[in-house]
Amino acid sequence: MSWQKGQSGNPGGRLKVPREVTEMFRSLTDDSVAVLHNLMMSPSTADAVRAGIANSFLDRGWGRATQSVDVSVAKSVVDVTDEELMAIIKAAEASEAAEQTDIRH
């Protein structure tokens, strides 16, 4: 399906999560952190799982580490076609997915 220029593919935007659902999950925060902490500290938990939990704790407590990116621009951003931009986005997403897979394994 092709969109007309200036037209959103999702004019209503993302659906809002009902407040009751958000409040319910937030009320489970302390218990969830305790469960994850116990798993992380347990020697019987797989190392990859323990590392994933530790990484999540660090990300949420300190924020994700900044990443430097080397960019060389062959042409002006205004000259990039939609197809080229989508290819750049897909390549970046694939690179990030591969990086996340490396962290988990």
Protein backbone atom coordinates (compact mmCIF):
# COMPACT_ATOMS: atom_id res chain seq x y z
CA MET A 1 0.00 0.00 0.00
CA SER A 2 1.39 3.42 -0.85
CA TRP A 3 0.67 6.51 1.19
CA GLN A 4 -0.11 9.88 -0.20
CA LYS A 5 2.49 12.50 0.56
CA GLY A 6 1.77 14.14 3.91
CA GLN A 7 -0.71 11.42 4.97
CA SER A 8 -0.10 9.36 8.09
CA GLY A 9 -0.30 5.59 7.91
CA ASN A 10 -1.71 5.63 11.43
CA PRO A 11 -3.75 8.83 11.87
CA GLY A 12 -5.20 7.74 15.22
CA GLY A 13 -1.74 7.14 16.67
CA ARG A 14 -0.73 4.38 19.04
CA LEU A 15 -3.49 3.03 21.25
CA LYS A 16 -3.29 4.25 24.84
CA VAL A 17 -2.80 1.69 27.58
CA PRO A 18 -5.68 1.95 30.06
CA ARG A 19 -4.61 3.60 33.33
CA GLU A 20 -5.80 0.60 35.35
CA VAL A 21 -3.47 -1.70 33.41
CA THR A 22 -0.49 0.61 33.91
CA GLU A 23 -1.24 0.96 37.62
CA MET A 24 -1.65 -2.80 38.04
CA PHE A 25 1.75 -3.55 36.48
CA ARG A 26 3.45 -0.75 38.37
CA SER A 27 2.09 -2.17 41.61
CA LEU A 28 4.05 -5.36 40.83
CA THR A 29 7.37 -3.54 40.49
CA ASP A 30 8.83 -4.43 43.90
CA ASP A 31 7.91 -8.10 43.59
CA SER A 32 9.22 -8.26 40.00
CA VAL A 33 12.54 -6.70 40.94
CA ALA A 34 12.86 -9.13 43.87
CA VAL A 35 12.21 -12.13 41.60
CA LEU A 36 14.74 -10.90 39.04
CA HIS A 37 17.26 -10.16 41.78
CA ASN A 38 16.88 -13.67 43.21
CA LEU A 39 17.33 -15.21 39.75
CA MET A 40 20.37 -13.05 39.06
CA MET A 41 22.02 -14.04 42.35
CA SER A 42 21.23 -17.75 42.06
CA PRO A 43 24.17 -19.89 40.91
CA SER A 44 21.67 -22.33 39.36
CA THR A 45 20.44 -19.68 36.91
CA ALA A 46 22.12 -19.85 33.50
CA ASP A 47 24.91 -17.32 33.09
CA ALA A 48 23.27 -15.80 30.01
CA VAL A 49 20.04 -15.22 31.96
CA ARG A 50 21.93 -13.72 34.90
CA ALA A 51 23.84 -11.43 32.55
CA GLY A 52 20.62 -10.35 30.83
CA ILE A 53 19.01 -9.48 34.14
CA ALA A 54 22.09 -7.57 35.28
CA ASN A 55 22.16 -5.68 31.99
CA SER A 56 18.48 -4.77 32.35
CA PHE A 57 19.06 -3.55 35.90
CA LEU A 58 21.99 -1.42 34.79
CA ASP A 59 20.07 0.00 31.82
CA ARG A 60 17.13 0.98 33.99
CA GLY A 61 19.21 2.25 36.86
CA TRP A 62 21.87 4.16 34.92
CA GLY A 63 20.45 4.41 31.40
CA ARG A 64 21.82 2.77 28.30
CA ALA A 65 25.44 3.41 27.45
CA THR A 66 26.00 6.04 24.80
CA GLN A 67 27.19 4.78 21.46
CA SER A 68 29.45 6.64 19.12
CA VAL A 69 28.74 6.44 15.43
CA ASP A 70 31.07 7.30 12.58
CA VAL A 71 29.15 8.82 9.71
CA SER A 72 30.39 9.76 6.30
CA VAL A 73 27.86 11.56 4.18
CA ALA A 74 28.11 11.12 0.45
CA LYS A 75 25.19 13.38 -0.27
CA SER A 76 22.91 15.82 1.47
CA VAL A 77 20.06 14.43 3.56
CA VAL A 78 17.56 16.24 1.37
CA ASP A 79 18.87 14.28 -1.64
CA VAL A 80 18.30 10.84 -0.06
CA THR A 81 15.35 8.98 -1.56
CA ASP A 82 12.73 7.26 0.57
CA GLU A 83 14.06 3.89 -0.60
CA GLU A 84 17.61 4.79 0.43
CA LEU A 85 16.40 6.03 3.80
CA MET A 86 14.46 2.80 4.42
CA ALA A 87 17.57 0.77 3.50
CA ILE A 88 19.62 2.78 6.01
CA ILE A 89 16.99 2.24 8.72
CA LYS A 90 16.79 -1.51 8.02
CA ALA A 91 20.58 -1.82 8.16
CA ALA A 92 20.68 0.03 11.49
CA GLU A 93 17.90 -2.15 12.91
CA ALA A 94 19.67 -5.33 11.75
CA SER A 95 22.91 -4.13 13.32
CA GLU A 96 21.15 -3.37 16.63
CA ALA A 97 19.37 -6.75 16.59
CA ALA A 98 22.68 -8.53 15.99
CA GLU A 99 24.25 -6.58 18.85
CA GLN A 100 21.39 -7.55 21.18
CA THR A 101 21.77 -11.21 20.14
CA ASP A 102 25.50 -11.04 20.93
CA ILE A 103 24.73 -9.65 24.40
CA ARG A 104 22.22 -12.42 25.13
CA HIS A 105 24.53 -15.26 24.04
